[in-house]
Amino acid sequence: MSKARENLPQHLLEYTVSQDYKLYTEIDQAVWRYVMKISVPFFKKHAHNAYIEGLEMTGIPMDHIPHVDGMDKRLDKFNWGAVTVKGFIPHIIFMEFLSKKILPIAVDIRINEHITYTPAPDIIHEAAGHAPIIADRDYAEYLCSYGEIAKKAIQSKKDSIQYDIIRKLSDMKEDPNADPNELKKIEEKFEKVFSEDHWISEANELSKMNWWTIEYGLIGDLENPKIYGAGLLSSVGESLECLNSKVKKIPMSIDCIDQDYNITEPQPQLFVTKSFKDLKDILIKYSKTMAFKTGGKSGIEKAINSKNVTTSVYDSGLQISGTLTNYINDNNKEMTYLSFGGSVQLSYNDSELEGHGTKYHSEGYGAAIGVLSKINLPLNQLNNNHIESLGIKENHKILLTFIGGLIVSGTVKKVLMIDDSPVLISLDNCSVKLNEDYLYKPEWGPYDLSCGGKIVSVFGGPADWDNYYKNNSPTLGTPHQSTNLSKENTELNELYKEVRILREDDRPSNDYLPILNKLYNEHPDDWLLCTEIYEIIYSDPSLVKEKKELKNYIKEFAKNKMLFNVINRFINLVEA
């Protein structure tokens, strides 16, 4: 196991699945071989030069689907690792994996009908697309930095809804047994949700940066760019088409966050970066606008607009995680009180404070902010003399007035000190007032007064994820690897197996002819196995008639627009 995989937090482990190699069919293995067969020669000319070297260095075989544990060991040399996941995982989870230098690899593989492209993440996309470029140090650094920054992004409720629809749509398009009526409903829902106006979150903008770089990025010269994006490296169709002059090439800039995309369609434009170092510069430039960097009122407003769980960080280090619903300005128009709804967690240094989890703060939380008028200091900057002069000790009644008019009164129950500074003051019989308005009343129970003069950071999600969701865990179900084996393709799969055994035993070309006849007569829609047999028997001079008949048969499938290039490329490689 790689060092990167050690001590992964529980909330990430919940998205991982085991790779059951026996679930891959003979057809699946043929799909992998075919994609690699036609891709590698093409990418030797048209991909970033790290790609071909990276295939071997990261443990990507040409002739069979990779064992991800083996890849994990290879990636360890680059201080990275790999885990297997099921299909789409939430963007924020994917980013957190990257921030820990873990490459999540979708364990399933596309069906042969979708060999040119699949909207659902699969092992071809993740393993043969993402992994090899990690061998380039500058790209690996960008990928990790992107993960570190993106995991702090504020994600809206709408983002979550969109993610769920994309996941369902991509899964259904890849499922040969999907109900066409259900698929149509999901497609209509997709169009509706993505056409509606909505607040653009940081996570939304960063997902676009991800799409136009990590997934669909080009590098080098505008007139002759090279491919590095995993979406292109894993699409035998679009990787060819993307270099066509019909696809607009745009110089990479921060403006990519404004360019929408459709995950189910080829991209009409692509961004070209000069270097991977430039990508990191653009990423850092964007990060300076994010709430985790700016904090303050602008960060708080982003959190409110998200209608989602975020974390507000005080200058004292206190972290408040929950759904922020409102903030109140004092008489000087400065933020003086934050209102959180639902489950709330109080943390310090990303660790939940004892007794201050979502079970205790299950009905929201009100947080004071500001500077005490008497001594012109925030609570977290009080020294022992200040604390004594204000009477802040257990069982003492206090009255604290903040600049701007906020007044807090009550009986001190406990003072939580961290590094000799007050972080939280627990009060009984507490009231919090601004002018004549009560923000907290004694009958509401004990009150925990947050200590801090300002909000220095706001980021997406809870501070202590595992503890926050211990009692509020999102329902993931039990993800598991799927199989493409069905009643309809069981017999065909056996023919693929027969061909594999004949090939491994180095049997004569004539032994393949009975299988060809079965394909012609019993499986007239299958072209993939025909190409495998054509490659095997091509060099046999005794089968001139059979080879000509087989080639013409395969060429008929190439009349399909989606298959034209991939079949002709394969034939050209065989006959070269």
Foldseek 3Di string as FASTA:
>chain_A
DAPLPPPDDPVLVQQFFAQDVVQEFLQLQLLQLLLLLLQPVVQVPFADVLQNVLCVQQPPDNRGQGDQQSSQVSCSVLVAGETEGAWDDQPLSCLLNLLSRYQYAHNAGFGPVQSQAALIGHRLLRNSAQRSVCSPVLLSVLSNVLSVLLNQWAAAPLSVVLSVLSRVQRVQVRDPPHDPVVNVVSVVVNVVSVVDDADQTPNLLSVLLCCQPQAFEWEADQLRTHDRHSVLSSRNQLVVVCNDVQQAEAEDASCSSVDDDDSVDRHSYHYYYHDSNVSSVRVVVVSCVGQQAAPAPVNLVSLQRRQAWKWWAFPLQKIKTARWNDFDAFQVRGTFKTKHAAFMFIDGQLHTDPPGGRVNVGGIAMETAAAFPVVRHWQQPDAPVRCVVQVQDAQDWGWTAGPRAKIKIFGWHDFDDDPRGTAKTKGAQMWIDRPHDTPDGNVVGIHIYGTHHGGRGMGYDGSHNCRRCVVPPDDPDRDHYHHPDDPVCPVVSVLSVVVVVCVVVVHDLVVCVVSVVCCVPPVLPDLSVLLVSLLSCVPPPVPPVVNVVSVVSNVVVLVPVSCVVSSVSSVVSSVD
